[in-house]
Every structure is written in structure tokens, then in C-alpha cells.
């Protein structure tokens, strides 16, 4: 009898283990293509309810009057949003506080005794993130459309968004008898708990590795990709599916995943989204690395970066497409910093380009200042460009020096991106200049380019 009981318990345990990976029916199926093509999305209604509850947008507060004095004329050290009225600025700051630090309040970014103080790294980062939000809404409409984003889209009441990523820690020497696993057999949720490489983000959301790994012919005559690249692509696709709560048919035509013809319009939106994430990581987030304390960095010393889940958090449209941004117009356009930058010097032999506070991104006319340099390098194939980055004296020296280097990298990457060979672009670390010793001087936040 005991043997029979033990056998029954073992069978029950085995059945429970097998069913643990299955979803309890019923499930809902949504057909997205012609019958018989397999273009269907399958949803679990019980899971959908939980996800829906977690993706509700907060109500907007009543709009403030634009009348009255402007913030830049009343408060000190207002480098962004200074064109707003006192009422508009206070409403926007209150909203950002509720979106990011509802428990800590204003003190999360500000020194209570002196709100103009920039000593807290959170204030420096927050200022740059406001600019990043404006950049998304103004320049990435092919992905966010008119819906736009706000700080709440990613943060959801938390100082650090739940879904961020760091570069994985490299394997220890001789830690595995098979040698380099290439990131495999480390099952993570980001790759669907599979044996796919555990870094599906670095190659695509920081680097620009080609995603299309499928050939158009039976034999690989037109396009060749390694097994590692193929597995990394599948890892990224796993992440996309999990982040949006969809499957492959949301973006692809099952008849031919590679072909764009017949693919749903969401594929184009996703194409722009991947490039948007890459742009934000490289232009706004990575340059802030030196601003963060060591406790906020990853195992390899890198800063937390964004991926698709940062905004989407399990739904095909963040917050199911709630148009929060329209209620906060200050976040819709990329306004110039209120401290004003000098006009760029654009000369064939020497050009000077200026940057905003804490920024390694060339804005508007500053970026246009590169056109003369590019034209000179194209006309003189033997000429080389020497690039030196500078910084102002405000803040920590080590962080400023890193920022100056990132500014030089921005200009170098712009020249290479314009078709100038990397061998013709030289980075030259300058000696400490007088301009670096004069406080927060806009003329000190610059990159100098010499062509000869």
C-alpha cells in the first residue's frame, strides 16, 4: 500500500512539475493575418488584467497660468525650462517629483538649504533626462508618434526604472572547463530563460550590429552571419516580445520573416524604436557615467541603460498609449539651455563647438558648425582633424574630464559618420586651460577641431 501511495505522490509531483510551465486555459486568440498563416497573438486574460492594472497613467494636474514673471528672472541656476512662468514651472517640477521620487520629494535632487546647488548627482542627471525626454518627443516621432513620453513612462514612481540593463560581468578565467561560453547557458528572463547569449542589448542598443541574419536564398550566398550573431538576434527578439507582451507576428509576416513586404506597420515602428534606444544610450545616458557614484554602476563599471522594457513594461504601447505628454508641453520640444551658448566658430582650419551644462550632445547650430570641417576634409584627402575636448570648472574635476572626453568622442563620431576615415581623426587631450578655471563658463564647455 505504501509503495502505491509513494508511486501516486511521485506521479502527482511529476505532473505538477510538467504543468508548472503551462498556462491554465482558457486563453484568448487574436487573428492578425489571413487564416492558416499562423499570424495570431495569444493572450492569457488573467495575466492581461494584472498587466493592465500596472499600466494605468496618473491623472494630470490642472494646467497653470503662463502669465507672470519667468522662472529664469526669479530663480538662480535655472538652466532648463527657464521660459516657463512660476506657476508652470512649479507644476512641472511637482509632476516630475511625483513621477520619480514621491517618497523623498524635492530633496532627492535638491539641497534643501540651497535649491540652486548642483552638488547632488541626481540633479545633474535629472536635468539631462529632461532634455532626453524633450529629444524623444521632438525628434523620435516615427516611434512615439503624437503620444510622446514623460518621465513617468519609464520611472512609474521609482527613482530608478525597474527595467534597465548593464553589461554582463565577463567570465572568470578558467571558470569553466569548456572555456568561453559566449554568454550562453546563463538563463535570464531577458532571453526567455533560454540558452541564448545573455547580452542581447550591447550589440544592438549600444552598438550598431546588423540585426538581419536571414538570407534570401537557400544557400548563404547573399548574406553570411555567424551562429553567435544569429543567437544574439534571437535574444533581442525574445526581449522585444516579452517587453511588449506580444509574439513574432506583431511585427513579422510569417510567410517570410525577413521580407518587409506584407509585414505589419508595427515593424517599422519597432525599427525606429531600436535606433531610438541606441541613440538615447549613446548620446544621453552613457556620457553621464562619471556623474554616478560607484554604487549605481554595474559590475563592469557601466551606467544603467535603457531597453524596450524600460518604457513598454509588458504592453505593446507604454501605458496603453495614454497621451500624458500633451498635458506637459514643456516636455514636447527641445528648448535651448537658458544659460546661452556662444555661436560656433566654423573655420576651415580651426573650429570651436560649444556644449550645454553636463551635456556631450551637439545641439542645433553647434552641430551645423561641423559642416565646414567635413567639407574641408573631403576636399583635402590628406588632411587630418585633431580634436580636443574642454570643460568648465564647476563640479568634480574627474567627472568634468570624462565629460570633456565624451564631447571629443561626439565630434569624432560625427566626422566618421559623415564618411571621414577614422584614421584621419585624432583625439588630443589638452592641457588644463585658463577657461577651465573660471567657474561655469559657457565658453569653456567646448571642443576644438584643427585641420592640417
Protein backbone atom coordinates (compact mmCIF):
# COMPACT_ATOMS: atom_id res chain seq x y z
CA UNK A 1 0.00 0.00 0.00
CA UNK A 2 2.82 2.36 0.92
CA UNK A 3 4.53 1.61 -2.38
CA UNK A 4 1.36 2.50 -4.28
CA UNK A 5 0.98 5.72 -2.27
CA UNK A 6 4.57 6.74 -2.91
CA UNK A 7 4.15 5.98 -6.62
CA UNK A 8 0.98 8.10 -6.75
CA UNK A 9 2.69 11.01 -4.97
CA UNK A 10 5.65 10.80 -7.32
CA UNK A 11 3.31 10.82 -10.34
CA UNK A 12 1.43 13.81 -8.92
CA UNK A 13 4.69 15.68 -8.30
CA UNK A 14 5.90 14.92 -11.83
CA UNK A 15 2.62 16.10 -13.34
CA UNK A 16 2.71 19.29 -11.26
CA UNK A 17 6.27 19.98 -12.40
CA UNK A 18 5.34 19.48 -16.05
CA UNK A 19 2.26 21.69 -15.82
CA UNK A 20 4.10 24.45 -13.96
CA UNK A 21 5.41 25.72 -17.28
CA UNK A 22 1.96 25.76 -18.87
CA UNK A 23 -0.77 28.38 -18.68
CA UNK A 24 -4.16 27.44 -17.35
CA UNK A 25 -6.85 27.76 -20.04
CA UNK A 26 -8.85 29.41 -21.40
CA UNK A 27 -6.71 31.82 -23.44
CA UNK A 28 -7.76 34.44 -25.98
CA UNK A 29 -6.53 34.39 -29.57
CA UNK A 30 -6.41 37.44 -31.83
CA UNK A 31 -6.00 36.80 -35.55
CA UNK A 32 -3.67 39.29 -37.25
CA UNK A 33 -3.36 37.83 -40.75
CA UNK A 34 -5.05 35.53 -43.23
CA UNK A 35 -6.44 32.30 -41.87
CA UNK A 36 -3.93 29.49 -41.96
CA UNK A 37 -0.88 31.76 -41.88
CA UNK A 38 -0.33 31.37 -38.15
CA UNK A 39 -0.40 35.14 -37.62
CA UNK A 40 -2.12 35.05 -34.24
CA UNK A 41 -1.50 36.61 -30.84
CA UNK A 42 -2.37 34.51 -27.80
CA UNK A 43 -3.28 36.23 -24.53
CA UNK A 44 -3.99 34.93 -21.07
CA UNK A 45 -6.90 37.09 -19.83
CA UNK A 46 -5.88 36.63 -16.18
CA UNK A 47 -2.36 37.86 -16.85
CA UNK A 48 -3.69 40.68 -19.01
CA UNK A 49 -5.71 42.04 -16.07
CA UNK A 50 -2.61 42.22 -13.87
CA UNK A 51 -0.57 43.92 -16.60
CA UNK A 52 -3.37 46.40 -17.30
CA UNK A 53 -3.55 47.43 -13.64
CA UNK A 54 0.18 48.12 -13.64
CA UNK A 55 -0.04 50.33 -16.76
CA UNK A 56 -2.52 52.99 -15.71
CA UNK A 57 -1.41 56.58 -16.28
CA UNK A 58 -1.85 59.03 -13.38
CA UNK A 59 -4.29 61.90 -13.83
CA UNK A 60 -2.80 65.20 -14.93
CA UNK A 61 -2.96 68.17 -12.57
CA UNK A 62 -4.74 71.34 -13.62
CA UNK A 63 -2.75 73.47 -16.07
CA UNK A 64 -1.05 76.56 -14.63
CA UNK A 65 -1.25 80.08 -15.97
CA UNK A 66 1.54 81.16 -18.35
CA UNK A 67 1.21 84.73 -17.09
CA UNK A 68 3.60 86.38 -14.68
CA UNK A 69 7.39 86.55 -14.38
CA UNK A 70 9.54 83.86 -15.91
CA UNK A 71 11.49 81.44 -13.76
CA UNK A 72 14.86 82.44 -15.24
CA UNK A 73 14.28 86.01 -14.00
CA UNK A 74 13.43 84.94 -10.43
CA UNK A 75 15.41 81.81 -9.51
CA UNK A 76 19.16 81.17 -9.65
CA UNK A 77 20.84 78.49 -11.78
CA UNK A 78 17.77 77.55 -13.82
CA UNK A 79 19.40 76.00 -16.87
CA UNK A 80 16.28 74.37 -18.34
CA UNK A 81 12.62 75.40 -18.60
CA UNK A 82 13.51 78.96 -17.67
CA UNK A 83 10.98 80.27 -20.18
CA UNK A 84 8.09 78.95 -18.07
CA UNK A 85 6.09 81.07 -15.66
CA UNK A 86 6.46 80.45 -11.94
CA UNK A 87 3.16 78.56 -11.93
CA UNK A 88 4.04 76.41 -14.95
CA UNK A 89 7.50 75.61 -13.60
CA UNK A 90 6.17 74.67 -10.15
CA UNK A 91 3.52 72.40 -11.70
CA UNK A 92 6.12 70.68 -13.90
CA UNK A 93 8.55 70.14 -11.00
CA UNK A 94 5.76 68.79 -8.80
CA UNK A 95 4.80 66.32 -11.53
CA UNK A 96 8.39 65.14 -12.00
CA UNK A 97 8.74 64.69 -8.24
CA UNK A 98 5.59 62.55 -8.12
CA UNK A 99 6.73 60.51 -11.13
CA UNK A 100 10.25 59.80 -9.86
CA UNK A 101 10.63 60.36 -6.12
CA UNK A 102 7.24 60.51 -4.40
CA UNK A 103 8.73 59.45 -1.05
CA UNK A 104 11.93 61.53 -0.99
CA UNK A 105 10.26 64.53 -2.58
CA UNK A 106 12.27 67.51 -3.86
CA UNK A 107 15.23 66.58 -1.66
CA UNK A 108 16.02 63.63 -3.93
CA UNK A 109 17.61 66.08 -6.37
CA UNK A 110 17.94 69.32 -4.42
CA UNK A 111 19.86 70.56 -1.41
CA UNK A 112 17.06 71.94 0.83
CA UNK A 113 19.11 74.91 2.06
CA UNK A 114 20.06 75.98 -1.46
CA UNK A 115 17.95 74.81 -4.41
CA UNK A 116 20.48 76.32 -6.83
CA UNK A 117 23.21 73.96 -5.57
CA UNK A 118 24.37 71.38 -8.16
CA UNK A 119 26.33 69.15 -5.76
CA UNK A 120 23.85 66.25 -5.88
CA UNK A 121 24.48 63.95 -8.83
CA UNK A 122 20.75 63.28 -9.08
CA UNK A 123 20.13 66.89 -10.07
CA UNK A 124 22.75 66.78 -12.83
CA UNK A 125 21.27 63.52 -14.14
CA UNK A 126 17.67 64.74 -13.88
CA UNK A 127 18.47 67.86 -15.86
CA UNK A 128 19.91 65.75 -18.66
CA UNK A 129 16.98 63.32 -18.55
CA UNK A 130 14.56 66.21 -19.07
CA UNK A 131 16.49 67.09 -22.21
CA UNK A 132 16.36 63.45 -23.28
CA UNK A 133 12.57 63.39 -22.83
CA UNK A 134 12.26 66.53 -24.94
CA UNK A 135 14.51 64.96 -27.58
CA UNK A 136 12.33 61.84 -27.75
CA UNK A 137 9.13 63.83 -28.17
CA UNK A 138 10.60 66.26 -30.70
CA UNK A 139 12.88 64.04 -32.79
CA UNK A 140 11.60 60.47 -32.48
CA UNK A 141 8.01 60.85 -33.63
CA UNK A 142 8.42 57.88 -36.04
CA UNK A 143 8.43 55.77 -32.87
CA UNK A 144 6.45 57.67 -30.22
CA UNK A 145 4.13 59.48 -32.67
CA UNK A 146 1.96 62.20 -31.12
CA UNK A 147 1.57 60.24 -27.88
CA UNK A 148 5.04 61.06 -26.65
CA UNK A 149 6.59 60.18 -23.31
CA UNK A 150 7.08 61.72 -19.88
CA UNK A 151 9.36 60.80 -17.00
CA UNK A 152 6.56 58.60 -15.66
CA UNK A 153 6.66 56.42 -18.77
CA UNK A 154 9.87 54.82 -17.52
CA UNK A 155 10.01 55.60 -13.80
CA UNK A 156 6.48 54.77 -12.57
CA UNK A 157 7.11 56.33 -9.17
CA UNK A 158 10.62 54.89 -8.74
CA UNK A 159 13.90 56.80 -8.76
CA UNK A 160 15.49 54.11 -10.93
CA UNK A 161 13.30 52.50 -13.62
CA UNK A 162 12.62 48.82 -12.96
CA UNK A 163 13.78 47.72 -16.38
CA UNK A 164 17.34 48.80 -17.10
CA UNK A 165 20.42 46.85 -18.15
CA UNK A 166 24.13 46.66 -17.51
CA UNK A 167 26.88 44.94 -19.44
CA UNK A 168 27.22 41.38 -18.13
CA UNK A 169 30.20 40.54 -15.96
CA UNK A 170 32.86 38.81 -18.06
CA UNK A 171 33.51 35.14 -17.23
CA UNK A 172 36.30 34.42 -14.81
CA UNK A 173 39.44 32.87 -16.22
CA UNK A 174 39.35 29.06 -16.14
CA UNK A 175 35.88 29.18 -14.53
CA UNK A 176 34.54 26.61 -16.95
CA UNK A 177 36.28 23.63 -18.50
CA UNK A 178 34.63 24.36 -21.86
CA UNK A 179 36.19 27.82 -22.00
CA UNK A 180 34.30 30.87 -23.28
CA UNK A 181 30.55 30.17 -23.24
CA UNK A 182 29.87 33.28 -25.39
CA UNK A 183 27.24 34.23 -22.83
CA UNK A 184 25.26 31.04 -23.35
CA UNK A 185 23.71 28.69 -20.79
CA UNK A 186 23.04 31.54 -18.37
CA UNK A 187 19.23 31.52 -18.45
CA UNK A 188 17.88 35.02 -17.93
CA UNK A 189 14.37 36.42 -18.29
CA UNK A 190 15.68 38.85 -20.92
CA UNK A 191 16.13 35.93 -23.32
CA UNK A 192 13.12 33.90 -22.27
CA UNK A 193 15.12 31.72 -19.82
CA UNK A 194 16.76 30.09 -22.82
CA UNK A 195 20.40 29.25 -23.56
CA UNK A 196 20.71 32.24 -25.91
CA UNK A 197 23.57 34.71 -25.23
CA UNK A 198 22.91 36.70 -22.07
CA UNK A 199 23.67 40.10 -23.64
CA UNK A 200 21.11 40.81 -26.35
CA UNK A 201 21.45 44.56 -25.75
CA UNK A 202 25.09 45.60 -26.11
CA UNK A 203 25.42 44.70 -29.81
CA UNK A 204 22.19 46.47 -30.82
CA UNK A 205 21.12 49.06 -28.22
CA UNK A 206 24.62 50.41 -27.71
CA UNK A 207 26.44 49.16 -30.80
CA UNK A 208 25.05 49.01 -34.31
CA UNK A 209 25.48 45.33 -35.16
CA UNK A 210 23.37 44.17 -38.10
CA UNK A 211 20.15 42.54 -36.94
CA UNK A 212 19.05 40.85 -40.17
CA UNK A 213 20.72 37.42 -40.13
CA UNK A 214 18.48 35.54 -42.56
CA UNK A 215 19.47 35.07 -46.17
CA UNK A 216 17.15 35.48 -49.13
CA UNK A 217 18.36 32.29 -50.78
CA UNK A 218 18.51 28.63 -49.75
CA UNK A 219 22.29 28.77 -49.54
CA UNK A 220 24.08 31.68 -47.82
CA UNK A 221 25.30 33.37 -50.99
CA UNK A 222 23.99 36.88 -50.41
CA UNK A 223 24.37 37.29 -46.67
CA UNK A 224 26.51 35.48 -44.14
CA UNK A 225 26.07 35.75 -40.37
CA UNK A 226 27.75 33.77 -37.64
CA UNK A 227 25.89 31.47 -35.27
CA UNK A 228 26.69 33.91 -32.45
CA UNK A 229 25.11 36.82 -34.37
CA UNK A 230 22.06 34.72 -35.15
CA UNK A 231 21.63 33.77 -31.50
CA UNK A 232 22.11 37.38 -30.38
CA UNK A 233 19.40 38.43 -32.82
CA UNK A 234 17.01 35.84 -31.42
CA UNK A 235 17.85 37.04 -27.92
CA UNK A 236 16.90 40.60 -28.87
CA UNK A 237 13.67 39.36 -30.46
CA UNK A 238 12.85 37.44 -27.25
CA UNK A 239 13.32 40.68 -25.34
CA UNK A 240 11.08 42.60 -27.73
CA UNK A 241 8.30 40.03 -27.42
CA UNK A 242 8.48 39.95 -23.63
CA UNK A 243 8.71 43.74 -23.34
CA UNK A 244 5.63 44.37 -25.48
CA UNK A 245 3.62 41.34 -24.38
CA UNK A 246 3.36 40.09 -27.97
CA UNK A 247 4.83 37.39 -30.19
CA UNK A 248 6.70 37.48 -33.51
CA UNK A 249 3.54 38.05 -35.56
CA UNK A 250 3.12 41.52 -34.08
CA UNK A 251 5.89 42.78 -36.37
CA UNK A 252 6.58 39.99 -38.88
CA UNK A 253 4.78 38.29 -41.73
CA UNK A 254 5.01 34.56 -41.01
CA UNK A 255 5.32 33.83 -44.72
CA UNK A 256 8.80 35.34 -44.71
CA UNK A 257 10.16 36.94 -41.56
CA UNK A 258 12.97 38.66 -43.45
CA UNK A 259 10.84 40.44 -46.05
CA UNK A 260 9.27 43.81 -45.30
CA UNK A 261 6.53 43.36 -47.89
CA UNK A 262 3.38 42.28 -46.15
CA UNK A 263 4.81 42.92 -42.68
CA UNK A 264 2.56 44.76 -40.22
CA UNK A 265 3.24 48.51 -39.80
CA UNK A 266 4.46 47.80 -36.27
CA UNK A 267 7.70 46.50 -37.75
CA UNK A 268 8.59 49.97 -38.99
CA UNK A 269 7.77 51.44 -35.59
CA UNK A 270 9.98 48.83 -33.92
CA UNK A 271 12.81 49.57 -36.38
CA UNK A 272 12.79 53.19 -35.25
CA UNK A 273 12.46 52.13 -31.59
CA UNK A 274 15.68 50.10 -31.68
CA UNK A 275 17.55 53.05 -33.13
CA UNK A 276 15.95 55.42 -30.66
CA UNK A 277 17.14 53.30 -27.71
CA UNK A 278 20.64 53.20 -29.22
CA UNK A 279 20.64 56.97 -29.69
CA UNK A 280 19.48 57.66 -26.13
CA UNK A 281 22.01 55.28 -24.59
CA UNK A 282 24.94 56.73 -26.54
CA UNK A 283 24.05 60.42 -26.56
CA UNK A 284 22.39 60.95 -23.19
CA UNK A 285 22.95 58.09 -20.75
CA UNK A 286 26.48 56.72 -21.27
CA UNK A 287 28.05 60.24 -21.18
CA UNK A 288 26.64 60.58 -17.63
CA UNK A 289 28.61 57.57 -16.35
CA UNK A 290 31.13 59.68 -14.46
CA UNK A 291 28.32 61.55 -12.68
CA UNK A 292 27.07 58.43 -10.88
CA UNK A 293 28.52 57.02 -7.65
CA UNK A 294 30.07 53.56 -7.85
CA UNK A 295 27.06 52.01 -6.10
CA UNK A 296 24.85 52.97 -9.05
CA UNK A 297 27.09 51.37 -11.68
CA UNK A 298 27.07 47.81 -12.98
CA UNK A 299 29.61 45.03 -12.36
CA UNK A 300 31.86 46.32 -15.15
CA UNK A 301 31.52 49.98 -14.12
CA UNK A 302 28.94 50.95 -16.74
CA UNK A 303 25.83 53.01 -16.18
CA UNK A 304 22.29 51.62 -16.22
CA UNK A 305 20.94 51.85 -19.77
CA UNK A 306 17.51 51.57 -21.36
CA UNK A 307 15.94 48.84 -23.44
CA UNK A 308 12.45 48.29 -24.83
CA UNK A 309 11.05 47.12 -21.50
CA UNK A 310 12.08 50.38 -19.80
CA UNK A 311 9.11 52.15 -21.39
CA UNK A 312 6.80 49.36 -22.51
CA UNK A 313 6.73 47.24 -19.34
CA UNK A 314 4.78 44.37 -20.84
CA UNK A 315 2.35 46.19 -23.16
CA UNK A 316 2.53 46.96 -26.87
CA UNK A 317 2.16 50.69 -26.17
CA UNK A 318 3.51 52.20 -22.93
CA UNK A 319 0.60 52.85 -20.57
CA UNK A 320 -1.64 51.55 -23.38
CA UNK A 321 -1.00 54.73 -25.34
CA UNK A 322 -2.20 57.17 -22.68
CA UNK A 323 -1.27 60.62 -24.11
CA UNK A 324 0.34 62.05 -20.97
CA UNK A 325 2.85 64.23 -22.78
CA UNK A 326 0.24 66.61 -24.21
CA UNK A 327 -0.59 67.76 -20.67
CA UNK A 328 3.02 68.81 -20.07
CA UNK A 329 4.01 70.89 -23.13
CA UNK A 330 7.39 71.84 -21.67
CA UNK A 331 8.48 68.26 -22.36
CA UNK A 332 7.46 68.29 -26.02
CA UNK A 333 10.17 70.49 -27.53
CA UNK A 334 13.93 70.58 -27.05
CA UNK A 335 14.47 74.06 -25.70
CA UNK A 336 17.91 75.59 -25.73
CA UNK A 337 19.62 75.85 -22.32
CA UNK A 338 18.84 79.19 -20.70
CA UNK A 339 22.50 79.97 -19.97
CA UNK A 340 23.11 80.54 -23.69
CA UNK A 341 26.00 79.22 -25.74
CA UNK A 342 28.37 81.25 -27.91
CA UNK A 343 27.94 80.95 -31.64
CA UNK A 344 30.15 78.16 -33.02
CA UNK A 345 33.36 79.14 -34.76
CA UNK A 346 33.28 77.40 -38.14
CA UNK A 347 36.56 77.87 -39.92
CA UNK A 348 38.21 75.57 -42.45
CA UNK A 349 41.38 75.19 -40.36
CA UNK A 350 40.04 75.65 -36.81
CA UNK A 351 36.51 75.22 -35.49
CA UNK A 352 35.12 75.55 -31.97
CA UNK A 353 31.87 73.90 -30.93
CA UNK A 354 30.09 74.50 -27.61
CA UNK A 355 28.09 72.19 -25.36
CA UNK A 356 25.40 72.62 -22.72
CA UNK A 357 25.96 72.02 -19.00
CA UNK A 358 26.60 68.32 -18.33
CA UNK A 359 25.99 67.55 -22.00
CA UNK A 360 28.04 65.70 -24.60
CA UNK A 361 25.47 66.28 -27.36
CA UNK A 362 25.83 68.91 -30.06
CA UNK A 363 22.62 70.89 -30.32
CA UNK A 364 21.16 72.79 -33.30
CA UNK A 365 23.60 75.36 -34.71
CA UNK A 366 26.53 73.83 -32.85
CA UNK A 367 26.13 70.63 -34.86
CA UNK A 368 25.91 72.67 -38.05
CA UNK A 369 29.34 74.09 -37.24
CA UNK A 370 30.85 70.76 -38.29
CA UNK A 371 29.81 71.16 -41.91
CA UNK A 372 32.79 73.37 -42.76
CA UNK A 373 35.21 70.88 -41.16
CA UNK A 374 33.66 67.99 -43.09
CA UNK A 375 33.79 69.91 -46.37
CA UNK A 376 37.49 70.72 -45.80
CA UNK A 377 38.37 67.10 -45.03
CA UNK A 378 36.51 65.89 -48.11
CA UNK A 379 38.26 68.44 -50.33
CA UNK A 380 41.69 67.64 -48.84
CA UNK A 381 42.02 63.82 -48.58
CA UNK A 382 45.47 64.10 -46.98
CA UNK A 383 44.36 66.43 -44.19
CA UNK A 384 43.71 65.21 -40.65
CA UNK A 385 41.47 66.57 -37.91
CA UNK A 386 42.81 66.91 -34.35
CA UNK A 387 40.08 67.08 -31.71
CA UNK A 388 40.43 68.37 -28.13
CA UNK A 389 37.63 68.46 -25.55
CA UNK A 390 37.38 71.04 -22.75
CA UNK A 391 35.17 71.57 -19.69
CA UNK A 392 34.20 74.28 -17.23
CA UNK A 393 35.46 74.35 -13.62
CA UNK A 394 32.12 73.81 -11.86
CA UNK A 395 31.76 70.32 -10.38
CA UNK A 396 34.22 67.48 -9.78
CA UNK A 397 37.39 67.51 -11.87
CA UNK A 398 37.38 63.79 -12.70
CA UNK A 399 33.76 63.91 -13.89
CA UNK A 400 34.46 67.03 -15.94
CA UNK A 401 37.48 65.46 -17.59
CA UNK A 402 35.38 62.42 -18.55
CA UNK A 403 32.71 64.75 -19.92
CA UNK A 404 35.31 66.62 -21.98
CA UNK A 405 36.46 63.28 -23.41
CA UNK A 406 32.88 62.31 -24.29
CA UNK A 407 32.42 65.64 -26.04
CA UNK A 408 35.52 64.92 -28.13
CA UNK A 409 34.11 61.45 -28.91
CA UNK A 410 30.84 63.05 -30.07
CA UNK A 411 32.66 65.23 -32.60
CA UNK A 412 34.89 62.35 -33.72
CA UNK A 413 31.87 60.06 -34.24
CA UNK A 414 30.10 62.80 -36.19
CA UNK A 415 33.05 63.13 -38.57
CA UNK A 416 33.38 59.36 -39.02
CA UNK A 417 29.64 59.09 -39.52
CA UNK A 418 29.92 61.67 -42.31
CA UNK A 419 32.32 59.39 -44.16
CA UNK A 420 35.69 60.65 -42.92
CA UNK A 421 38.07 57.73 -42.31
CA UNK A 422 38.70 57.11 -38.61
CA UNK A 423 42.45 57.10 -39.29
CA UNK A 424 42.19 60.78 -40.24
CA UNK A 425 40.59 61.81 -36.93
CA UNK A 426 42.97 62.21 -33.97
CA UNK A 427 41.97 62.76 -30.33
CA UNK A 428 44.35 65.02 -28.41
CA UNK A 429 43.90 65.51 -24.66
CA UNK A 430 44.58 69.21 -23.95
CA UNK A 431 46.46 70.62 -21.00
CA UNK A 432 44.38 72.38 -18.35
CA UNK A 433 43.37 75.69 -19.88
CA UNK A 434 42.57 79.02 -18.22
CA UNK A 435 38.95 78.70 -19.36
CA UNK A 436 38.66 75.56 -17.23
CA UNK A 437 39.30 77.61 -14.09
CA UNK A 438 36.61 80.27 -14.39
CA UNK A 439 33.57 78.58 -12.85
CA UNK A 440 30.55 77.66 -15.01
CA UNK A 441 31.71 79.41 -18.17
CA UNK A 442 29.77 78.51 -21.36
CA UNK A 443 32.89 79.25 -23.44
CA UNK A 444 34.79 76.56 -21.53
CA UNK A 445 32.37 73.75 -22.46
CA UNK A 446 33.78 73.26 -25.95
CA UNK A 447 35.56 71.07 -28.44
CA UNK A 448 38.27 72.50 -30.68
CA UNK A 449 38.92 70.95 -34.10
CA UNK A 450 42.12 71.74 -36.00
CA UNK A 451 42.54 70.59 -39.61
CA UNK A 452 46.00 70.37 -41.15
